[in-house]
Protein backbone atom coordinates (compact mmCIF):
# COMPACT_ATOMS: atom_id res chain seq x y z
CA UNK A 1 -1.80 9.84 32.36
CA UNK A 2 -4.34 8.34 30.16
CA UNK A 3 -5.94 10.52 27.22
CA UNK A 4 -9.51 10.39 25.94
CA UNK A 5 -10.01 8.50 23.18
CA UNK A 6 -11.79 10.18 20.06
CA UNK A 7 -15.25 9.38 18.81
CA UNK A 8 -14.30 6.54 16.00
CA UNK A 9 -16.09 7.49 12.70
CA UNK A 10 -15.69 5.86 9.21
CA UNK A 11 -13.81 8.92 8.27
CA UNK A 12 -11.34 8.10 10.97
CA UNK A 13 -11.45 4.36 9.73
CA UNK A 14 -10.56 5.46 6.32
CA UNK A 15 -7.64 7.74 7.65
CA UNK A 16 -5.80 4.78 9.17
CA UNK A 17 -6.80 2.20 6.85
CA UNK A 18 -9.40 -0.34 6.53
CA UNK A 19 -9.13 -3.86 8.42
CA UNK A 20 -8.73 -7.26 7.43
CA UNK A 21 -6.92 -6.20 4.21
CA UNK A 22 -3.49 -6.97 2.77
CA UNK A 23 -1.17 -3.83 2.53
CA UNK A 24 2.02 -2.84 1.22
CA UNK A 25 4.39 -1.94 3.72
CA UNK A 26 7.89 -1.11 2.76
CA UNK A 27 10.34 -2.74 0.42
CA UNK A 28 11.81 -5.88 1.20
CA UNK A 29 15.55 -4.48 1.48
CA UNK A 30 14.18 -2.21 4.40
CA UNK A 31 13.82 -5.09 6.91
CA UNK A 32 16.65 -7.13 8.03
CA UNK A 33 18.06 -9.22 10.96
CA UNK A 34 17.97 -6.30 13.42
CA UNK A 35 14.34 -5.07 14.58
CA UNK A 36 13.23 -1.85 12.94
CA UNK A 37 9.99 0.12 13.84
CA UNK A 38 7.46 1.44 10.90
CA UNK A 39 4.52 3.38 11.63
CA UNK A 40 1.73 1.97 9.26
CA UNK A 41 -2.46 2.21 9.45
CA UNK A 42 -2.36 4.40 12.57
CA UNK A 43 0.24 1.77 14.43
CA UNK A 44 3.89 1.69 15.39
CA UNK A 45 5.06 -2.04 14.36
CA UNK A 46 8.08 -3.58 15.05
CA UNK A 47 9.50 -5.82 11.82
CA UNK A 48 12.51 -8.45 11.73
CA UNK A 49 14.11 -11.49 9.95
CA UNK A 50 14.28 -14.97 11.60
CA UNK A 51 17.11 -17.34 10.97
CA UNK A 52 15.28 -18.61 7.95
CA UNK A 53 15.11 -14.87 6.49
CA UNK A 54 11.35 -15.03 7.62
CA UNK A 55 9.80 -11.43 8.40
CA UNK A 56 7.45 -11.14 11.36
CA UNK A 57 5.70 -8.45 12.96
CA UNK A 58 4.29 -7.66 15.95
CA UNK A 59 3.10 -4.06 17.68
CA UNK A 60 5.82 -2.19 18.70
CA UNK A 61 4.81 -2.25 22.58
CA UNK A 62 6.14 -4.63 24.98
CA UNK A 63 2.96 -6.11 26.85
CA UNK A 64 4.93 -5.48 30.18
CA UNK A 65 5.24 -1.47 30.38
CA UNK A 66 4.65 -0.29 26.60
CA UNK A 67 8.57 -0.28 25.83
CA UNK A 68 9.52 -0.53 21.99
CA UNK A 69 10.10 -3.88 21.16
CA UNK A 70 11.98 -2.06 18.47
CA UNK A 71 14.83 -1.87 20.83
CA UNK A 72 15.10 -5.58 22.04
CA UNK A 73 17.25 -8.34 21.25
CA UNK A 74 16.16 -10.80 18.23
CA UNK A 75 16.03 -14.48 19.09
CA UNK A 76 15.27 -16.43 15.91
CA UNK A 77 11.27 -16.13 15.88
CA UNK A 78 10.92 -14.08 18.98
CA UNK A 79 12.05 -10.56 20.77
CA UNK A 80 13.46 -10.02 24.18
CA UNK A 81 12.09 -6.74 25.13
CA UNK A 82 15.52 -4.44 25.85
CA UNK A 83 13.64 -2.71 29.12
CA UNK A 84 13.46 -6.21 31.07
CA UNK A 85 13.88 -9.03 29.07
CA UNK A 86 10.43 -10.05 28.56
CA UNK A 87 10.37 -12.23 25.25
CA UNK A 88 7.55 -12.00 22.81
CA UNK A 89 7.14 -14.51 20.13
CA UNK A 90 6.12 -13.70 16.31
CA UNK A 91 2.65 -14.63 17.21
CA UNK A 92 2.42 -12.55 20.11
CA UNK A 93 2.65 -15.02 22.70
CA UNK A 94 4.76 -14.00 25.86
CA UNK A 95 7.12 -17.10 26.40
CA UNK A 96 9.45 -16.26 28.97
CA UNK A 97 9.66 -13.39 32.04
CA UNK A 98 13.00 -13.64 33.27
CA UNK A 99 12.26 -11.17 36.32
CA UNK A 100 9.27 -13.47 37.48
CA UNK A 101 9.26 -16.77 35.80
CA UNK A 102 6.11 -18.32 36.07
CA UNK A 103 3.82 -15.25 36.32
CA UNK A 104 0.72 -14.83 34.34
CA UNK A 105 2.02 -12.89 31.80
CA UNK A 106 4.01 -16.01 30.25
CA UNK A 107 2.04 -18.04 28.31
CA UNK A 108 -0.41 -14.98 27.38
CA UNK A 109 -0.92 -13.58 24.28
CA UNK A 110 -1.60 -10.16 24.51
CA UNK A 111 0.52 -8.59 21.76
CA UNK A 112 -1.09 -8.31 18.38
CA UNK A 113 0.90 -10.33 15.80
CA UNK A 114 0.69 -9.80 11.88
CA UNK A 115 0.89 -12.27 9.17
CA UNK A 116 3.39 -11.33 6.65
CA UNK A 117 3.73 -12.12 2.75
CA UNK A 118 6.90 -10.85 0.53
CA UNK A 119 5.65 -10.24 -3.10
CA UNK A 120 7.38 -8.19 -5.94
CA UNK A 121 10.10 -6.77 -3.60
CA UNK A 122 7.57 -5.36 -0.89
CA UNK A 123 6.60 -6.58 2.23
CA UNK A 124 2.95 -7.24 2.88
CA UNK A 125 0.83 -7.38 6.04
CA UNK A 126 -2.85 -8.68 6.71
CA UNK A 127 -4.25 -5.63 8.70
CA UNK A 128 -6.30 -8.13 10.90
CA UNK A 129 -8.97 -7.00 13.95
CA UNK A 130 -7.03 -9.05 16.21
CA UNK A 131 -4.72 -12.19 16.27
CA UNK A 132 -5.58 -14.93 13.77
CA UNK A 133 -3.91 -17.84 12.83
CA UNK A 134 -4.43 -17.98 8.74
CA UNK A 135 -5.11 -15.05 6.99
CA UNK A 136 -6.88 -15.19 3.55
CA UNK A 137 -4.50 -15.58 0.49
CA UNK A 138 -3.00 -12.57 -1.05
CA UNK A 139 -4.30 -12.12 -4.50
CA UNK A 140 -2.75 -9.91 -7.03
CA UNK A 141 -3.19 -8.77 -10.56
CA UNK A 142 -1.67 -10.79 -13.20
CA UNK A 143 0.87 -8.50 -13.76
CA UNK A 144 2.29 -9.10 -10.64
CA UNK A 145 2.07 -13.02 -10.45
CA UNK A 146 5.66 -13.96 -9.59
CA UNK A 147 5.27 -16.93 -11.68
CA UNK A 148 3.88 -14.98 -14.72
CA UNK A 149 4.52 -13.59 -17.92
CA UNK A 150 5.08 -10.01 -16.84
CA UNK A 151 8.29 -8.63 -15.56
CA UNK A 152 7.87 -5.47 -12.96
CA UNK A 153 9.84 -2.96 -11.06
CA UNK A 154 8.62 -1.46 -7.81
CA UNK A 155 9.01 2.07 -7.44
CA UNK A 156 8.45 2.80 -3.60
CA UNK A 157 8.26 6.38 -2.27
CA UNK A 158 6.62 8.28 0.58
CA UNK A 159 4.31 11.49 -0.09
CA UNK A 160 3.20 14.28 2.60
CA UNK A 161 -0.35 14.07 2.96
CA UNK A 162 -3.51 11.75 3.39
CA UNK A 163 -3.20 8.40 1.40
CA UNK A 164 -6.29 9.11 -0.17
CA UNK A 165 -5.41 12.17 -2.08
CA UNK A 166 -2.96 9.44 -3.83
CA UNK A 167 -6.05 7.23 -4.90
CA UNK A 168 -7.91 10.42 -6.03
CA UNK A 169 -4.82 11.02 -8.66
CA UNK A 170 -4.63 7.88 -10.17
CA UNK A 171 -8.44 7.69 -9.91
CA UNK A 172 -8.03 10.75 -12.57
CA UNK A 173 -6.66 9.76 -16.13
CA UNK A 174 -7.43 13.39 -17.31
CA UNK A 175 -4.50 15.08 -15.33
CA UNK A 176 -2.04 13.18 -17.56
CA UNK A 177 -3.10 15.13 -20.34
CA UNK A 178 -2.18 18.35 -18.50
CA UNK A 179 0.38 17.76 -15.73
CA UNK A 180 2.35 15.41 -17.59
CA UNK A 181 2.13 16.74 -21.29
CA UNK A 182 5.68 17.27 -21.59
CA UNK A 183 6.02 13.47 -20.69
CA UNK A 184 7.52 11.35 -23.37
CA UNK A 185 4.41 9.08 -23.19
CA UNK A 186 1.87 11.33 -22.19
CA UNK A 187 2.21 13.82 -24.85
CA UNK A 188 -0.89 12.95 -27.31
CA UNK A 189 -4.48 12.74 -27.40
CA UNK A 190 -7.44 15.21 -27.07
CA UNK A 191 -7.31 17.66 -24.12
CA UNK A 192 -10.98 17.05 -23.80
CA UNK A 193 -13.00 13.85 -23.05
CA UNK A 194 -16.32 12.16 -21.67
CA UNK A 195 -15.71 9.48 -19.51
CA UNK A 196 -17.39 6.31 -18.49
CA UNK A 197 -17.70 4.04 -15.69
CA UNK A 198 -17.64 0.07 -16.32
CA UNK A 199 -18.22 -2.47 -13.56
CA UNK A 200 -15.90 -5.57 -13.37
CA UNK A 201 -16.51 -8.66 -10.95
CA UNK A 202 -13.56 -6.86 -8.79
CA UNK A 203 -14.57 -3.64 -9.06
CA UNK A 204 -15.00 -1.08 -11.72
CA UNK A 205 -12.83 0.84 -14.76
CA UNK A 206 -13.13 4.39 -15.33
CA UNK A 207 -12.09 5.24 -18.83
CA UNK A 208 -12.13 7.83 -21.82
CA UNK A 209 -14.56 7.54 -24.44
CA UNK A 210 -13.61 6.90 -27.81
CA UNK A 211 -9.78 6.89 -27.04
CA UNK A 212 -7.29 3.93 -26.33
CA UNK A 213 -3.70 3.47 -26.27
CA UNK A 214 -3.25 7.24 -26.75
CA UNK A 215 -2.29 8.83 -23.34
CA UNK A 216 -3.51 7.98 -19.75
CA UNK A 217 -6.72 6.74 -21.03
CA UNK A 218 -8.14 4.43 -18.11
CA UNK A 219 -7.95 3.25 -14.32
CA UNK A 220 -8.80 -0.08 -12.82
CA UNK A 221 -9.77 -0.20 -8.97
CA UNK A 222 -9.97 -3.50 -7.37
CA UNK A 223 -10.23 -5.29 -4.33
CA UNK A 224 -9.09 -9.09 -4.25
CA UNK A 225 -8.38 -9.03 -0.63
CA UNK A 226 -5.81 -5.83 -0.83
CA UNK A 227 -6.88 -2.85 -2.64
CA UNK A 228 -4.53 -1.89 -5.90
CA UNK A 229 -5.24 0.08 -8.89
CA UNK A 230 -3.78 -0.54 -12.53
CA UNK A 231 -3.34 1.64 -15.49
CA UNK A 232 -1.57 1.49 -18.83
CA UNK A 233 0.62 4.11 -20.33
CA UNK A 234 1.44 3.64 -24.34
CA UNK A 235 5.16 3.64 -25.09
CA UNK A 236 7.02 4.62 -28.07
CA UNK A 237 9.29 1.87 -29.84
CA UNK A 238 12.32 3.69 -28.47
CA UNK A 239 11.16 2.79 -25.14
CA UNK A 240 12.42 -0.96 -26.03
CA UNK A 241 10.33 -4.12 -26.39
CA UNK A 242 6.89 -5.04 -24.32
CA UNK A 243 4.58 -2.23 -25.64
CA UNK A 244 2.44 -0.24 -23.18
CA UNK A 245 3.86 0.07 -19.61
CA UNK A 246 1.13 -1.29 -17.09
CA UNK A 247 1.35 0.38 -13.82
CA UNK A 248 -0.04 -1.43 -10.56
CA UNK A 249 -0.55 0.87 -7.66
CA UNK A 250 -1.52 0.38 -4.00
CA UNK A 251 -0.93 2.96 -1.03
CA UNK A 252 -1.12 2.79 2.57
CA UNK A 253 -1.14 5.48 5.49
CA UNK A 254 1.76 5.78 7.01
CA UNK A 255 0.17 8.59 9.24
CA UNK A 256 -2.60 11.31 8.71
CA UNK A 257 -0.06 13.55 7.18
CA UNK A 258 2.20 10.90 5.17
CA UNK A 259 1.35 8.08 2.65
CA UNK A 260 3.36 4.89 1.17
CA UNK A 261 3.26 4.96 -2.12
CA UNK A 262 3.57 1.48 -4.09
CA UNK A 263 3.79 1.35 -7.96
CA UNK A 264 4.87 -1.50 -9.91
CA UNK A 265 5.82 -0.96 -13.61
CA UNK A 266 5.33 -3.97 -15.15
CA UNK A 267 5.69 -4.90 -19.00
CA UNK A 268 4.42 -8.61 -20.63
CA UNK A 269 7.89 -10.06 -22.34
CA UNK A 270 10.14 -13.19 -21.98
CA UNK A 271 13.92 -14.20 -22.76
CA UNK A 272 15.67 -11.90 -24.21
CA UNK A 273 13.64 -8.93 -24.67
CA UNK A 274 12.83 -9.34 -20.65
CA UNK A 275 16.74 -8.44 -20.74
CA UNK A 276 16.74 -5.93 -22.68
CA UNK A 277 13.85 -4.22 -21.37
CA UNK A 278 15.14 -4.85 -17.83
CA UNK A 279 18.41 -3.46 -18.69
CA UNK A 280 16.91 -0.21 -20.68
CA UNK A 281 14.67 0.24 -17.30
CA UNK A 282 17.71 0.86 -15.13
CA UNK A 283 19.62 2.66 -17.53
CA UNK A 284 17.46 4.98 -19.14
CA UNK A 285 13.87 4.71 -18.20
CA UNK A 286 14.00 4.91 -14.63
CA UNK A 287 14.74 8.65 -14.10
CA UNK A 288 11.99 9.44 -16.64
CA UNK A 289 9.71 7.46 -14.63
CA UNK A 290 10.62 9.27 -11.45
CA UNK A 291 10.23 12.62 -12.91
CA UNK A 292 6.56 12.14 -13.81
CA UNK A 293 6.02 11.03 -10.31
CA UNK A 294 7.76 13.95 -8.93
CA UNK A 295 5.26 16.38 -10.76
CA UNK A 296 2.42 14.36 -8.85
CA UNK A 297 4.33 14.50 -5.67
CA UNK A 298 4.53 18.12 -5.69
CA UNK A 299 1.07 18.68 -6.62
CA UNK A 300 -0.23 16.52 -3.99
CA UNK A 301 1.85 17.78 -1.60
CA UNK A 302 0.95 21.45 -1.87
CA UNK A 303 -2.49 21.01 -1.64
CA UNK A 304 -4.28 21.71 1.73
CA UNK A 305 -5.04 19.07 3.95
CA UNK A 306 -8.74 20.17 3.29
CA UNK A 307 -9.01 20.61 -0.46
CA UNK A 308 -11.61 18.10 -0.83
CA UNK A 309 -13.81 20.41 0.97
CA UNK A 310 -13.72 22.98 -1.17
CA UNK A 311 -14.27 21.07 -4.49
CA UNK A 312 -16.45 21.82 -7.41
CA UNK A 313 -16.17 18.58 -9.52
CA UNK A 314 -17.39 17.78 -12.85
CA UNK A 315 -17.78 15.02 -15.21
CA UNK A 316 -14.07 14.09 -15.65
CA UNK A 317 -14.25 13.02 -11.87
CA UNK A 318 -17.00 10.49 -11.62
CA UNK A 319 -14.01 7.77 -10.95
CA UNK A 320 -13.31 9.88 -7.97
CA UNK A 321 -16.64 10.13 -6.87
CA UNK A 322 -17.53 6.47 -7.06
CA UNK A 323 -14.22 5.71 -5.26
CA UNK A 324 -15.06 7.99 -2.17
CA UNK A 325 -18.38 6.63 -2.28
CA UNK A 326 -17.42 2.90 -2.06
CA UNK A 327 -14.41 3.45 0.34
CA UNK A 328 -16.93 5.36 2.69
CA UNK A 329 -19.27 2.56 2.70
CA UNK A 330 -16.96 -0.19 3.39
CA UNK A 331 -15.62 2.09 6.57
CA UNK A 332 -19.54 2.21 7.63
CA UNK A 333 -19.98 -1.29 7.31
CA UNK A 334 -16.60 -1.93 9.58
CA UNK A 335 -17.83 0.93 12.19
CA UNK A 336 -20.99 -1.04 12.19
CA UNK A 337 -19.32 -4.37 12.90
CA UNK A 338 -16.78 -2.79 15.57
CA UNK A 339 -20.41 -1.35 17.54
CA UNK A 340 -22.18 -4.85 17.20
CA UNK A 341 -18.53 -6.11 18.74
CA UNK A 342 -17.92 -7.94 15.23
CA UNK A 343 -15.16 -6.78 13.81
């Protein structure tokens, strides 16, 4: 009943997501008091809320026989497996084996537990290599600072295909000029451009030379203990107060053929202007944004899985090449640590 494990490669590591990073998992509303099973980062995970509304996460496998804990009963900060009643605490420790009290399974910590933070209407998980007591803090861009000057809306969807194609799409400002040329916010600007890469203290910016605040003109890639991307879309005055839209994106692999896609749409404003914009967004702008995202989804989902093996890239693709190389180097470093037993 055992299967041979595939040889681990840097590409396989990237396919299921790098370790020791924070990842957005799902919108907050998807997890309630009843356990819910979600596949993310190459794993089957169970999530639930305790009496204090705190979200917990474990591998969705009972350490006794591997039954899904998500079919069990929530008991505050622990789950009782529905198969044999084995109770597993939120830190991965088995607290009780009712069928065999005092057995060696009790008191052990065989189940992988995950640290969770809720921010900006999303549940974030730290993808540690093992059970750890304290993860690093979740550091997000200023636009997603809960106490900051920006107001934001989360746009969540799931797209068929490898999440890395979503990364490529966002690291490609030029596609806005063509794919989204009928959009009310991306109809302006030159249809040719030269690009450059500008390094930052947390990543890099890929930008058009000589054009700013006209179209989708730049993308930022950043690593702050979580990977995120940022771009800015100029907006007409008819879109309400606040000027340009800032979009922050973060993307999580569900499986090799499905991606969890998170975009926060942000504007810097307060007081009555914030209230006005939030009203306009819900009643007028949100549908337009979904229409633009739908253009991306259709294009990416219709690409072959091996499309990146048959590419002929040019100057507009420098950002994609830079990002792919960076991620591959991170995966190679993780693979080396694993081979040395340090991961």
